[in-house]
N, C-alpha and C. Protein backbone atom coordinates (compact mmCIF):
# COMPACT_ATOMS: atom_id res chain seq x y z
N MET A 1 -72.10 3.90 15.81
CA MET A 1 -71.52 2.58 15.68
C MET A 1 -71.10 2.37 14.23
N ASP A 2 -69.86 1.96 14.02
CA ASP A 2 -69.37 1.70 12.67
C ASP A 2 -69.72 0.29 12.26
N LEU A 3 -70.22 0.16 11.03
CA LEU A 3 -70.50 -1.15 10.47
C LEU A 3 -69.27 -1.62 9.71
N PRO A 4 -69.01 -2.93 9.72
CA PRO A 4 -67.85 -3.40 8.98
C PRO A 4 -68.03 -3.13 7.50
N SER A 5 -66.96 -2.69 6.85
CA SER A 5 -67.06 -2.41 5.43
C SER A 5 -67.02 -3.72 4.66
N GLN A 6 -67.76 -3.76 3.55
CA GLN A 6 -67.78 -4.95 2.73
C GLN A 6 -66.61 -4.92 1.77
N GLN A 7 -66.12 -6.09 1.44
CA GLN A 7 -65.09 -6.19 0.43
C GLN A 7 -65.74 -5.87 -0.91
N PRO A 8 -64.99 -5.33 -1.88
CA PRO A 8 -65.58 -4.99 -3.17
C PRO A 8 -66.32 -6.14 -3.83
N SER A 9 -65.85 -7.37 -3.65
CA SER A 9 -66.49 -8.50 -4.30
C SER A 9 -67.87 -8.80 -3.73
N THR A 10 -68.18 -8.30 -2.53
CA THR A 10 -69.47 -8.61 -1.93
C THR A 10 -70.38 -7.39 -1.85
N GLN A 11 -69.94 -6.26 -2.35
CA GLN A 11 -70.78 -5.07 -2.35
C GLN A 11 -71.58 -5.08 -3.65
N PHE A 12 -72.86 -5.32 -3.53
CA PHE A 12 -73.67 -5.51 -4.72
C PHE A 12 -74.29 -4.23 -5.25
N LEU A 13 -74.38 -3.21 -4.42
CA LEU A 13 -74.94 -1.94 -4.86
C LEU A 13 -74.10 -0.83 -4.24
N THR A 14 -73.42 -0.07 -5.08
CA THR A 14 -72.59 1.01 -4.56
C THR A 14 -73.47 2.17 -4.09
N LEU A 15 -72.87 3.07 -3.34
CA LEU A 15 -73.62 4.24 -2.89
C LEU A 15 -74.07 5.07 -4.09
N GLU A 16 -73.22 5.17 -5.11
CA GLU A 16 -73.58 5.92 -6.31
C GLU A 16 -74.76 5.27 -7.03
N GLU A 17 -74.73 3.96 -7.16
CA GLU A 17 -75.85 3.27 -7.81
C GLU A 17 -77.13 3.42 -7.01
N SER A 18 -77.02 3.33 -5.70
CA SER A 18 -78.19 3.50 -4.85
C SER A 18 -78.77 4.91 -5.00
N ALA A 19 -77.89 5.90 -5.07
CA ALA A 19 -78.34 7.29 -5.26
C ALA A 19 -79.03 7.45 -6.61
N GLN A 20 -78.50 6.79 -7.64
CA GLN A 20 -79.13 6.86 -8.96
C GLN A 20 -80.53 6.25 -8.93
N VAL A 21 -80.66 5.13 -8.23
CA VAL A 21 -81.99 4.50 -8.12
C VAL A 21 -82.92 5.43 -7.34
N ASP A 22 -82.43 6.01 -6.25
CA ASP A 22 -83.25 6.94 -5.46
C ASP A 22 -83.73 8.12 -6.30
N ALA A 23 -82.88 8.59 -7.21
CA ALA A 23 -83.22 9.75 -8.04
C ALA A 23 -84.18 9.41 -9.18
N ALA A 24 -84.31 8.14 -9.49
CA ALA A 24 -85.17 7.72 -10.60
C ALA A 24 -86.63 7.98 -10.27
N LEU A 25 -87.40 8.25 -11.29
CA LEU A 25 -88.84 8.50 -11.12
C LEU A 25 -89.58 7.17 -11.07
N LEU A 26 -89.37 6.47 -9.95
CA LEU A 26 -89.95 5.15 -9.75
C LEU A 26 -90.67 5.10 -8.42
N SER A 27 -91.64 4.21 -8.33
CA SER A 27 -92.31 3.98 -7.04
C SER A 27 -91.37 3.19 -6.14
N SER A 28 -91.69 3.12 -4.86
CA SER A 28 -90.85 2.37 -3.92
C SER A 28 -90.70 0.91 -4.33
N PRO A 29 -91.79 0.21 -4.71
CA PRO A 29 -91.61 -1.18 -5.15
C PRO A 29 -90.73 -1.29 -6.40
N GLU A 30 -90.84 -0.33 -7.30
CA GLU A 30 -90.01 -0.35 -8.51
C GLU A 30 -88.55 -0.10 -8.17
N LYS A 31 -88.29 0.78 -7.20
CA LYS A 31 -86.91 1.03 -6.77
C LYS A 31 -86.32 -0.22 -6.13
N PHE A 32 -87.12 -0.90 -5.31
CA PHE A 32 -86.66 -2.14 -4.69
C PHE A 32 -86.29 -3.16 -5.77
N LEU A 33 -87.16 -3.34 -6.75
CA LEU A 33 -86.90 -4.31 -7.82
C LEU A 33 -85.68 -3.91 -8.64
N THR A 34 -85.49 -2.61 -8.86
CA THR A 34 -84.32 -2.13 -9.59
C THR A 34 -83.05 -2.47 -8.82
N ARG A 35 -83.04 -2.21 -7.51
CA ARG A 35 -81.86 -2.54 -6.69
C ARG A 35 -81.59 -4.05 -6.72
N LEU A 36 -82.65 -4.83 -6.61
CA LEU A 36 -82.52 -6.28 -6.64
C LEU A 36 -81.95 -6.75 -7.98
N THR A 37 -82.40 -6.14 -9.06
CA THR A 37 -81.95 -6.53 -10.39
C THR A 37 -80.48 -6.17 -10.59
N ILE A 38 -80.06 -5.00 -10.17
CA ILE A 38 -78.66 -4.59 -10.28
C ILE A 38 -77.78 -5.54 -9.46
N SER A 39 -78.20 -5.84 -8.25
CA SER A 39 -77.45 -6.75 -7.39
C SER A 39 -77.39 -8.15 -8.00
N SER A 40 -78.49 -8.59 -8.56
CA SER A 40 -78.54 -9.92 -9.18
C SER A 40 -77.61 -9.99 -10.38
N GLN A 41 -77.56 -8.94 -11.16
CA GLN A 41 -76.66 -8.91 -12.32
C GLN A 41 -75.21 -9.09 -11.88
N LYS A 42 -74.83 -8.40 -10.82
CA LYS A 42 -73.46 -8.50 -10.32
C LYS A 42 -73.17 -9.91 -9.80
N LEU A 43 -74.12 -10.51 -9.12
CA LEU A 43 -73.94 -11.86 -8.60
C LEU A 43 -73.87 -12.86 -9.76
N LEU A 44 -74.70 -12.69 -10.77
CA LEU A 44 -74.64 -13.58 -11.92
C LEU A 44 -73.31 -13.47 -12.66
N LYS A 45 -72.74 -12.27 -12.71
CA LYS A 45 -71.42 -12.11 -13.31
C LYS A 45 -70.39 -12.94 -12.55
N GLN A 46 -70.45 -12.90 -11.22
CA GLN A 46 -69.53 -13.67 -10.39
C GLN A 46 -69.71 -15.17 -10.62
N ILE A 47 -70.95 -15.62 -10.63
CA ILE A 47 -71.23 -17.04 -10.84
C ILE A 47 -70.73 -17.48 -12.22
N ALA A 48 -70.99 -16.67 -13.23
CA ALA A 48 -70.54 -17.00 -14.59
C ALA A 48 -69.03 -17.06 -14.66
N GLN A 49 -68.36 -16.11 -14.03
CA GLN A 49 -66.90 -16.09 -14.04
C GLN A 49 -66.35 -17.35 -13.39
N GLU A 50 -66.88 -17.73 -12.23
CA GLU A 50 -66.41 -18.92 -11.54
C GLU A 50 -66.74 -20.19 -12.31
N SER A 51 -67.80 -20.15 -13.12
CA SER A 51 -68.23 -21.32 -13.91
C SER A 51 -67.60 -21.34 -15.29
N ASN A 52 -66.83 -20.30 -15.60
CA ASN A 52 -66.17 -20.19 -16.91
C ASN A 52 -67.16 -20.24 -18.08
N VAL A 53 -68.29 -19.54 -17.90
CA VAL A 53 -69.29 -19.42 -18.97
C VAL A 53 -69.78 -17.98 -19.01
N SER A 54 -70.46 -17.63 -20.08
CA SER A 54 -71.06 -16.30 -20.13
C SER A 54 -72.34 -16.32 -19.30
N ILE A 55 -72.77 -15.16 -18.88
CA ILE A 55 -74.02 -15.07 -18.11
C ILE A 55 -75.17 -15.71 -18.88
N GLU A 56 -75.20 -15.45 -20.18
CA GLU A 56 -76.28 -15.99 -21.02
C GLU A 56 -76.31 -17.51 -21.04
N ASP A 57 -75.16 -18.12 -20.82
CA ASP A 57 -75.08 -19.58 -20.87
C ASP A 57 -75.25 -20.26 -19.51
N LEU A 58 -75.39 -19.47 -18.45
CA LEU A 58 -75.61 -20.06 -17.12
C LEU A 58 -76.92 -20.84 -17.12
N THR A 59 -76.88 -22.00 -16.49
CA THR A 59 -78.10 -22.79 -16.34
C THR A 59 -78.63 -22.64 -14.92
N THR A 60 -79.86 -23.00 -14.75
CA THR A 60 -80.46 -22.98 -13.41
C THR A 60 -79.65 -23.86 -12.48
N GLN A 61 -79.23 -25.02 -12.95
CA GLN A 61 -78.47 -25.94 -12.10
C GLN A 61 -77.13 -25.36 -11.71
N GLN A 62 -76.46 -24.63 -12.61
CA GLN A 62 -75.18 -24.01 -12.26
C GLN A 62 -75.36 -22.95 -11.17
N ILE A 63 -76.44 -22.20 -11.26
CA ILE A 63 -76.71 -21.18 -10.23
C ILE A 63 -77.00 -21.84 -8.89
N ILE A 64 -77.83 -22.87 -8.90
CA ILE A 64 -78.14 -23.59 -7.66
C ILE A 64 -76.87 -24.20 -7.08
N SER A 65 -76.06 -24.82 -7.92
CA SER A 65 -74.82 -25.44 -7.45
C SER A 65 -73.88 -24.41 -6.84
N TRP A 66 -73.82 -23.22 -7.44
CA TRP A 66 -72.96 -22.17 -6.91
C TRP A 66 -73.42 -21.77 -5.50
N PHE A 67 -74.72 -21.60 -5.31
CA PHE A 67 -75.25 -21.24 -3.99
C PHE A 67 -74.98 -22.36 -2.98
N GLU A 68 -75.14 -23.61 -3.41
CA GLU A 68 -74.85 -24.74 -2.52
C GLU A 68 -73.37 -24.72 -2.11
N LYS A 69 -72.49 -24.48 -3.07
CA LYS A 69 -71.05 -24.44 -2.79
C LYS A 69 -70.72 -23.31 -1.82
N ASP A 70 -71.27 -22.11 -2.07
CA ASP A 70 -70.99 -20.97 -1.19
C ASP A 70 -71.55 -21.22 0.21
N SER A 71 -72.71 -21.84 0.29
CA SER A 71 -73.31 -22.16 1.58
C SER A 71 -72.45 -23.16 2.34
N LYS A 72 -71.91 -24.15 1.63
CA LYS A 72 -71.05 -25.15 2.27
C LYS A 72 -69.77 -24.49 2.79
N ILE A 73 -69.20 -23.60 2.01
CA ILE A 73 -68.00 -22.87 2.45
C ILE A 73 -68.30 -22.09 3.72
N ARG A 74 -69.45 -21.41 3.75
CA ARG A 74 -69.83 -20.61 4.92
C ARG A 74 -69.98 -21.51 6.15
N ARG A 75 -70.61 -22.67 5.98
CA ARG A 75 -70.81 -23.59 7.12
C ARG A 75 -69.49 -24.18 7.61
N GLU A 76 -68.62 -24.55 6.68
CA GLU A 76 -67.39 -25.26 7.04
C GLU A 76 -66.23 -24.34 7.40
N GLN A 77 -66.15 -23.17 6.77
CA GLN A 77 -64.99 -22.30 6.95
C GLN A 77 -65.34 -20.96 7.59
N GLY A 78 -66.61 -20.67 7.71
CA GLY A 78 -67.03 -19.40 8.31
C GLY A 78 -67.46 -18.39 7.26
N ILE A 79 -68.19 -17.40 7.71
CA ILE A 79 -68.79 -16.41 6.81
C ILE A 79 -67.74 -15.63 6.02
N GLU A 80 -66.59 -15.37 6.60
CA GLU A 80 -65.56 -14.58 5.91
C GLU A 80 -64.98 -15.32 4.71
N ALA A 81 -65.06 -16.65 4.70
CA ALA A 81 -64.52 -17.43 3.60
C ALA A 81 -65.50 -17.53 2.43
N SER A 82 -66.76 -17.26 2.69
CA SER A 82 -67.78 -17.37 1.64
C SER A 82 -67.87 -16.06 0.85
N PHE A 83 -68.46 -16.15 -0.32
CA PHE A 83 -68.64 -14.96 -1.15
C PHE A 83 -69.77 -14.09 -0.59
N LEU A 84 -70.90 -14.71 -0.27
CA LEU A 84 -72.04 -13.97 0.29
C LEU A 84 -71.85 -13.83 1.79
N LYS A 85 -71.99 -12.63 2.26
CA LYS A 85 -71.72 -12.33 3.67
C LYS A 85 -73.02 -12.04 4.43
N TRP A 86 -73.91 -12.99 4.47
CA TRP A 86 -75.13 -12.78 5.24
C TRP A 86 -75.41 -13.94 6.15
């Protein structure tokens, strides 16, 4: 069964990055946290870009507002219109 391919903007961990994490001398929990951190960095870049600020200048409220906005788009326009596809 073929899974739908993700658009580049929603692919948070490439196959190459995943392979690099797998090859690292880390425990399973450390690999999970590494994948989560890489994915979070990419998402924060997107949020910062849409907010017209640097990642370092993002506030907790801006991050929360971004998630609220994306969630509203998903509810009102469907999953394909939102940035996060889950």
